[in-house]
Amino acid sequence: MAGSTGTGIHSGRVIEPAVLPAAEAVAPPAPDSGESPNTAVLRPLSGGILEIGFAPGSILTPSLLEQVAATGTATVAAAAEPQWVPMHLLIDVSALDGVDPRAACVLGTFSGIGRIAFLGSGPADRVTARFVASGLPSGTDFRYVQDRDEALRYLERNG
């Protein structure tokens, strides 16, 4: 995730980012194996925003998204503050190497999602974001951006 290492601070409390391995990843890949580690890092930000990034080379699979949803829900519940509903998502797709076609359908089943900003670094990431967004319910407010500050402004806006 571009520029998102470390811990998150929310209402004076330090919240450690959650790191979750994909269900398919039984053991970490060997350093030069070429295998994807398929992990996601979740970090709560102020204003009800949950930042989601992926390890370089990850493949977005339905099981990884389901784990992100479960961990994201627990992270938001731990914050226990009203401004966390609806949850806005900042999803950094720049490290993804691929998307399982079934993953787009999984994102559309999440409840309580407000706006979604897909953060990427070029045309390939834009295509990835559009594909993932294709499974969202009609009327879901989302945008692709190449600048993290622009993504945060979009997610933090009123209305």
C-alpha atoms as a PDB file:
ATOM      1  CA  MET A   1       0.000   0.000   0.000  1.00  0.00           C
ATOM      2  CA  ALA A   2       1.504   3.260  -1.053  1.00  0.00           C
ATOM      3  CA  GLY A   3       2.532   5.271   1.974  1.00  0.00           C
ATOM      4  CA  SER A   4       0.498   3.313   4.488  1.00  0.00           C
ATOM      5  CA  THR A   5       2.853   1.513   6.784  1.00  0.00           C
ATOM      6  CA  GLY A   6       2.643   1.635  10.546  1.00  0.00           C
ATOM      7  CA  THR A   7      -0.264   1.889  12.903  1.00  0.00           C
ATOM      8  CA  GLY A   8      -3.502   3.807  12.633  1.00  0.00           C
ATOM      9  CA  ILE A   9      -4.673   6.293  15.222  1.00  0.00           C
ATOM     10  CA  HIS A  10      -8.398   6.700  15.713  1.00  0.00           C
ATOM     11  CA  SER A  11      -9.869   8.951  18.413  1.00  0.00           C
ATOM     12  CA  GLY A  12      -6.642   8.865  20.386  1.00  0.00           C
ATOM     13  CA  ARG A  13      -6.420   5.068  20.336  1.00  0.00           C
ATOM     14  CA  VAL A  14      -3.702   3.270  18.425  1.00  0.00           C
ATOM     15  CA  ILE A  15      -5.098   0.553  16.203  1.00  0.00           C
ATOM     16  CA  GLU A  16      -2.659  -1.949  14.771  1.00  0.00           C
ATOM     17  CA  PRO A  17      -3.256  -2.774  11.119  1.00  0.00           C
ATOM     18  CA  ALA A  18      -4.731  -6.218  10.584  1.00  0.00           C
ATOM     19  CA  VAL A  19      -2.795  -8.539   8.309  1.00  0.00           C
ATOM     20  CA  LEU A  20      -4.582 -11.593   7.080  1.00  0.00           C
ATOM     21  CA  PRO A  21      -3.320 -14.438   4.942  1.00  0.00           C
ATOM     22  CA  ALA A  22      -5.454 -15.940   2.214  1.00  0.00           C
ATOM     23  CA  ALA A  23      -7.063 -19.272   3.034  1.00  0.00           C
ATOM     24  CA  GLU A  24      -5.129 -20.917   0.201  1.00  0.00           C
ATOM     25  CA  ALA A  25      -1.778 -19.816   1.608  1.00  0.00           C
ATOM     26  CA  VAL A  26      -0.724 -22.708   3.816  1.00  0.00           C
ATOM     27  CA  ALA A  27       2.909 -21.611   4.116  1.00  0.00           C
ATOM     28  CA  PRO A  28       4.702 -18.451   3.041  1.00  0.00           C
ATOM     29  CA  PRO A  29       6.168 -18.724  -0.442  1.00  0.00           C
ATOM     30  CA  ALA A  30       9.869 -19.288  -0.849  1.00  0.00           C
ATOM     31  CA  PRO A  31      11.732 -15.992  -1.480  1.00  0.00           C
ATOM     32  CA  ASP A  32      12.287 -16.608  -5.200  1.00  0.00           C
ATOM     33  CA  SER A  33       9.398 -18.992  -5.871  1.00  0.00           C
ATOM     34  CA  GLY A  34       7.336 -16.495  -7.850  1.00  0.00           C
ATOM     35  CA  GLU A  35       4.255 -17.499  -5.850  1.00  0.00           C
ATOM     36  CA  SER A  36       1.888 -14.821  -4.617  1.00  0.00           C
ATOM     37  CA  PRO A  37       1.659 -14.312  -0.856  1.00  0.00           C
ATOM     38  CA  ASN A  38      -2.008 -13.238  -1.244  1.00  0.00           C
ATOM     39  CA  THR A  39      -2.252 -11.079   1.838  1.00  0.00           C
ATOM     40  CA  ALA A  40      -4.227  -7.962   2.603  1.00  0.00           C
ATOM     41  CA  VAL A  41      -3.458  -5.183   5.054  1.00  0.00           C
ATOM     42  CA  LEU A  42      -6.381  -3.308   6.592  1.00  0.00           C
ATOM     43  CA  ARG A  43      -5.945   0.019   8.313  1.00  0.00           C
ATOM     44  CA  PRO A  44      -8.783   2.083   9.808  1.00  0.00           C
ATOM     45  CA  LEU A  45      -8.539   5.800   9.106  1.00  0.00           C
ATOM     46  CA  SER A  46     -10.525   8.680  10.552  1.00  0.00           C
ATOM     47  CA  GLY A  47     -13.929   9.509   9.118  1.00  0.00           C
ATOM     48  CA  GLY A  48     -15.137   5.934   8.786  1.00  0.00           C
ATOM     49  CA  ILE A  49     -12.602   4.972   6.110  1.00  0.00           C
ATOM     50  CA  LEU A  50     -11.039   1.536   5.935  1.00  0.00           C
ATOM     51  CA  GLU A  51      -7.878   1.356   3.835  1.00  0.00           C
ATOM     52  CA  ILE A  52      -7.217  -1.993   2.159  1.00  0.00           C
ATOM     53  CA  GLY A  53      -3.971  -2.847   0.429  1.00  0.00           C
ATOM     54  CA  PHE A  54      -2.470  -6.020  -0.905  1.00  0.00           C
ATOM     55  CA  ALA A  55       0.997  -7.551  -0.844  1.00  0.00           C
ATOM     56  CA  PRO A  56       2.874  -7.202  -4.130  1.00  0.00           C
ATOM     57  CA  GLY A  57       1.944  -9.949  -6.537  1.00  0.00           C
ATOM     58  CA  SER A  58      -1.314 -10.873  -4.803  1.00  0.00           C
ATOM     59  CA  ILE A  59      -4.223 -12.370  -6.695  1.00  0.00           C
ATOM     60  CA  LEU A  60      -7.605 -11.076  -5.539  1.00  0.00           C
ATOM     61  CA  THR A  61      -9.690 -14.187  -4.857  1.00  0.00           C
ATOM     62  CA  PRO A  62     -13.177 -14.629  -3.387  1.00  0.00           C
ATOM     63  CA  SER A  63     -11.727 -16.187  -0.226  1.00  0.00           C
ATOM     64  CA  LEU A  64      -9.298 -13.278   0.246  1.00  0.00           C
ATOM     65  CA  LEU A  65     -12.166 -10.780  -0.119  1.00  0.00           C
ATOM     66  CA  GLU A  66     -14.298 -12.774   2.331  1.00  0.00           C
ATOM     67  CA  GLN A  67     -11.437 -12.656   4.849  1.00  0.00           C
ATOM     68  CA  VAL A  68     -11.061  -8.911   4.235  1.00  0.00           C
ATOM     69  CA  ALA A  69     -14.796  -8.482   4.904  1.00  0.00           C
ATOM     70  CA  ALA A  70     -14.673 -10.462   8.146  1.00  0.00           C
ATOM     71  CA  THR A  71     -11.578  -8.665   9.415  1.00  0.00           C
ATOM     72  CA  GLY A  72     -12.896  -5.278   8.275  1.00  0.00           C
ATOM     73  CA  THR A  73     -16.168  -5.820  10.120  1.00  0.00           C
ATOM     74  CA  ALA A  74     -14.285  -6.789  13.292  1.00  0.00           C
ATOM     75  CA  THR A  75     -11.973  -3.780  12.939  1.00  0.00           C
ATOM     76  CA  VAL A  76     -14.912  -1.415  12.562  1.00  0.00           C
ATOM     77  CA  ALA A  77     -16.739  -3.042  15.501  1.00  0.00           C
ATOM     78  CA  ALA A  78     -13.618  -2.623  17.653  1.00  0.00           C
ATOM     79  CA  ALA A  79     -13.634   1.102  16.901  1.00  0.00           C
ATOM     80  CA  ALA A  80     -17.254   1.193  18.185  1.00  0.00           C
ATOM     81  CA  GLU A  81     -17.903   4.730  17.042  1.00  0.00           C
ATOM     82  CA  PRO A  82     -20.960   5.953  15.114  1.00  0.00           C
ATOM     83  CA  GLN A  83     -18.989   7.598  12.311  1.00  0.00           C
ATOM     84  CA  TRP A  84     -17.871   4.158  11.136  1.00  0.00           C
ATOM     85  CA  VAL A  85     -21.218   3.486   9.470  1.00  0.00           C
ATOM     86  CA  PRO A  86     -21.354   3.446   6.504  1.00  0.00           C
ATOM     87  CA  MET A  87     -17.792   2.357   6.011  1.00  0.00           C
ATOM     88  CA  HIS A  88     -15.983   3.999   3.093  1.00  0.00           C
ATOM     89  CA  LEU A  89     -13.273   1.923   1.448  1.00  0.00           C
ATOM     90  CA  LEU A  90      -9.920   2.995   0.054  1.00  0.00           C
ATOM     91  CA  ILE A  91      -8.763  -0.028  -1.945  1.00  0.00           C
ATOM     92  CA  ASP A  92      -5.221   0.106  -3.306  1.00  0.00           C
ATOM     93  CA  VAL A  93      -5.156  -2.175  -6.357  1.00  0.00           C
ATOM     94  CA  SER A  94      -1.661  -1.218  -7.528  1.00  0.00           C
ATOM     95  CA  ALA A  95       0.073  -4.297  -6.059  1.00  0.00           C
ATOM     96  CA  LEU A  96      -2.384  -6.836  -7.479  1.00  0.00           C
ATOM     97  CA  ASP A  97      -1.155  -9.173 -10.192  1.00  0.00           C
ATOM     98  CA  GLY A  98      -4.591 -10.498 -11.000  1.00  0.00           C
ATOM     99  CA  VAL A  99      -8.219 -10.897 -10.070  1.00  0.00           C
ATOM    100  CA  ASP A 100     -10.177 -14.131  -9.925  1.00  0.00           C
ATOM    101  CA  PRO A 101     -13.343 -13.443 -11.982  1.00  0.00           C
ATOM    102  CA  ARG A 102     -15.518 -14.605  -9.058  1.00  0.00           C
ATOM    103  CA  ALA A 103     -14.016 -11.950  -6.743  1.00  0.00           C
ATOM    104  CA  ALA A 104     -16.080  -9.135  -8.272  1.00  0.00           C
ATOM    105  CA  CYS A 105     -19.280 -10.866  -7.171  1.00  0.00           C
ATOM    106  CA  VAL A 106     -18.062 -11.176  -3.574  1.00  0.00           C
ATOM    107  CA  LEU A 107     -17.465  -7.438  -3.125  1.00  0.00           C
ATOM    108  CA  GLY A 108     -21.084  -6.832  -4.147  1.00  0.00           C
ATOM    109  CA  THR A 109     -22.334  -8.867  -1.179  1.00  0.00           C
ATOM    110  CA  PHE A 110     -20.740  -6.606   1.458  1.00  0.00           C
ATOM    111  CA  SER A 111     -23.217  -4.562   3.465  1.00  0.00           C
ATOM    112  CA  GLY A 112     -22.711  -1.180   5.061  1.00  0.00           C
ATOM    113  CA  ILE A 113     -20.353   0.156   2.395  1.00  0.00           C
ATOM    114  CA  GLY A 114     -20.512   3.843   1.542  1.00  0.00           C
ATOM    115  CA  ARG A 115     -18.193   5.227  -1.127  1.00  0.00           C
ATOM    116  CA  ILE A 116     -15.267   3.274  -2.567  1.00  0.00           C
ATOM    117  CA  ALA A 117     -12.053   4.794  -3.922  1.00  0.00           C
ATOM    118  CA  PHE A 118      -9.856   2.489  -5.950  1.00  0.00           C
ATOM    119  CA  LEU A 119      -6.248   3.690  -5.858  1.00  0.00           C
ATOM    120  CA  GLY A 120      -3.937   2.669  -8.663  1.00  0.00           C
ATOM    121  CA  SER A 121      -1.007   3.791 -10.733  1.00  0.00           C
ATOM    122  CA  GLY A 122      -1.991   3.478 -14.376  1.00  0.00           C
ATOM    123  CA  PRO A 123      -4.267   2.071 -17.071  1.00  0.00           C
ATOM    124  CA  ALA A 124      -3.914  -1.575 -15.984  1.00  0.00           C
ATOM    125  CA  ASP A 125      -4.956  -0.680 -12.438  1.00  0.00           C
ATOM    126  CA  ARG A 126      -7.933   1.262 -13.830  1.00  0.00           C
ATOM    127  CA  VAL A 127      -9.060  -1.875 -15.678  1.00  0.00           C
ATOM    128  CA  THR A 128      -8.609  -3.942 -12.502  1.00  0.00           C
ATOM    129  CA  ALA A 129     -10.661  -1.444 -10.489  1.00  0.00           C
ATOM    130  CA  ARG A 130     -13.453  -1.349 -13.088  1.00  0.00           C
ATOM    131  CA  PHE A 131     -13.585  -5.137 -13.144  1.00  0.00           C
ATOM    132  CA  VAL A 132     -13.772  -5.401  -9.359  1.00  0.00           C
ATOM    133  CA  ALA A 133     -16.403  -2.634  -9.299  1.00  0.00           C
ATOM    134  CA  SER A 134     -18.509  -4.475 -11.896  1.00  0.00           C
ATOM    135  CA  GLY A 135     -19.861  -6.712  -9.125  1.00  0.00           C
ATOM    136  CA  LEU A 136     -21.038  -3.805  -6.956  1.00  0.00           C
ATOM    137  CA  PRO A 137     -24.760  -3.149  -6.556  1.00  0.00           C
ATOM    138  CA  SER A 138     -26.187  -0.576  -8.934  1.00  0.00           C
ATOM    139  CA  GLY A 139     -25.829   2.937  -7.560  1.00  0.00           C
ATOM    140  CA  THR A 140     -22.714   2.237  -5.487  1.00  0.00           C
ATOM    141  CA  ASP A 141     -20.611   5.396  -5.485  1.00  0.00           C
ATOM    142  CA  PHE A 142     -17.040   4.575  -6.546  1.00  0.00           C
ATOM    143  CA  ARG A 143     -14.141   6.259  -8.266  1.00  0.00           C
ATOM    144  CA  TYR A 144     -10.696   5.318  -9.590  1.00  0.00           C
ATOM    145  CA  VAL A 145      -7.883   7.719  -8.689  1.00  0.00           C
ATOM    146  CA  GLN A 146      -4.098   7.763  -8.954  1.00  0.00           C
ATOM    147  CA  ASP A 147      -3.457  10.024  -5.966  1.00  0.00           C
ATOM    148  CA  ARG A 148      -4.023   8.969  -2.342  1.00  0.00           C
ATOM    149  CA  ASP A 149      -4.884  12.508  -1.186  1.00  0.00           C
ATOM    150  CA  GLU A 150      -7.511  12.783  -3.933  1.00  0.00           C
ATOM    151  CA  ALA A 151      -8.953   9.420  -2.837  1.00  0.00           C
ATOM    152  CA  LEU A 152      -9.201  10.612   0.773  1.00  0.00           C
ATOM    153  CA  ARG A 153     -10.882  13.898  -0.266  1.00  0.00           C
ATOM    154  CA  TYR A 154     -13.427  11.908  -2.278  1.00  0.00           C
ATOM    155  CA  LEU A 155     -14.160   9.557   0.632  1.00  0.00           C
ATOM    156  CA  GLU A 156     -14.306  12.324   3.236  1.00  0.00           C
ATOM    157  CA  ARG A 157     -16.698  14.593   1.314  1.00  0.00           C
ATOM    158  CA  ASN A 158     -20.196  15.150   2.674  1.00  0.00           C
ATOM    159  CA  GLY A 159     -23.158  13.857   0.727  1.00  0.00           C
END
